């Protein structure tokens, strides 16, 4: 969440690179945050990004 607050235009791949985890691990965490209603995905599957609600 802190990384999204700093730069609200991050992809799963970009976040994975910043935190040093696999992209799949980051995607699972992002899905959990979306399910909780804390973030949303904007744009297409391939070129979208995540923003805090």
Protein backbone atom coordinates (compact mmCIF):
# COMPACT_ATOMS: atom_id res chain seq x y z
CA UNK A 1 0.00 0.00 0.00
CA UNK A 2 2.84 2.40 0.79
CA UNK A 3 4.33 1.93 -2.67
CA UNK A 4 0.96 2.67 -4.25
CA UNK A 5 0.67 5.81 -2.12
CA UNK A 6 4.06 7.00 -3.34
CA UNK A 7 3.42 6.22 -7.00
CA UNK A 8 -0.18 5.40 -7.80
CA UNK A 9 0.63 4.19 -11.28
CA UNK A 10 2.23 0.81 -10.60
CA UNK A 11 1.76 -2.52 -12.33
CA UNK A 12 2.14 -5.90 -10.62
CA UNK A 13 5.44 -6.41 -12.44
CA UNK A 14 6.72 -3.00 -11.34
CA UNK A 15 5.74 -3.62 -7.72
CA UNK A 16 7.35 -7.09 -7.79
CA UNK A 17 10.62 -5.57 -8.96
CA UNK A 18 10.53 -2.91 -6.24
CA UNK A 19 9.82 -5.31 -3.36
CA UNK A 20 11.91 -8.23 -4.59
CA UNK A 21 9.13 -10.83 -4.68
CA UNK A 22 7.86 -12.84 -7.62
CA UNK A 23 5.20 -11.25 -9.78
CA UNK A 24 2.76 -14.03 -8.85
CA UNK A 25 3.22 -13.35 -5.11
CA UNK A 26 2.53 -9.66 -5.68
CA UNK A 27 -0.53 -10.48 -7.81
CA UNK A 28 -1.98 -12.61 -4.99
CA UNK A 29 -1.46 -9.76 -2.52
CA UNK A 30 -3.03 -7.26 -4.92
CA UNK A 31 -6.04 -9.54 -5.46
CA UNK A 32 -6.54 -9.77 -1.70
CA UNK A 33 -6.45 -5.96 -1.43
CA UNK A 34 -8.94 -5.67 -4.30
CA UNK A 35 -11.25 -8.19 -2.63
CA UNK A 36 -11.08 -6.10 0.56
CA UNK A 37 -12.01 -3.00 -1.45
CA UNK A 38 -8.80 -1.12 -0.67
CA UNK A 39 -7.46 -0.84 -4.22
CA UNK A 40 -8.76 -1.17 -7.76
CA UNK A 41 -7.27 -2.09 -11.10
CA UNK A 42 -7.57 0.53 -13.83
CA UNK A 43 -7.05 -0.22 -17.49
CA UNK A 44 -6.50 -3.37 -19.48
CA UNK A 45 -5.13 -6.60 -18.11
CA UNK A 46 -1.82 -6.15 -19.86
CA UNK A 47 -1.25 -2.42 -19.49
CA UNK A 48 -3.35 -1.53 -16.44
CA UNK A 49 -2.23 -0.30 -13.04
CA UNK A 50 -3.46 -0.27 -9.46
CA UNK A 51 -4.79 2.69 -7.51
CA UNK A 52 -5.90 3.16 -3.92
CA UNK A 53 -9.62 3.74 -3.53
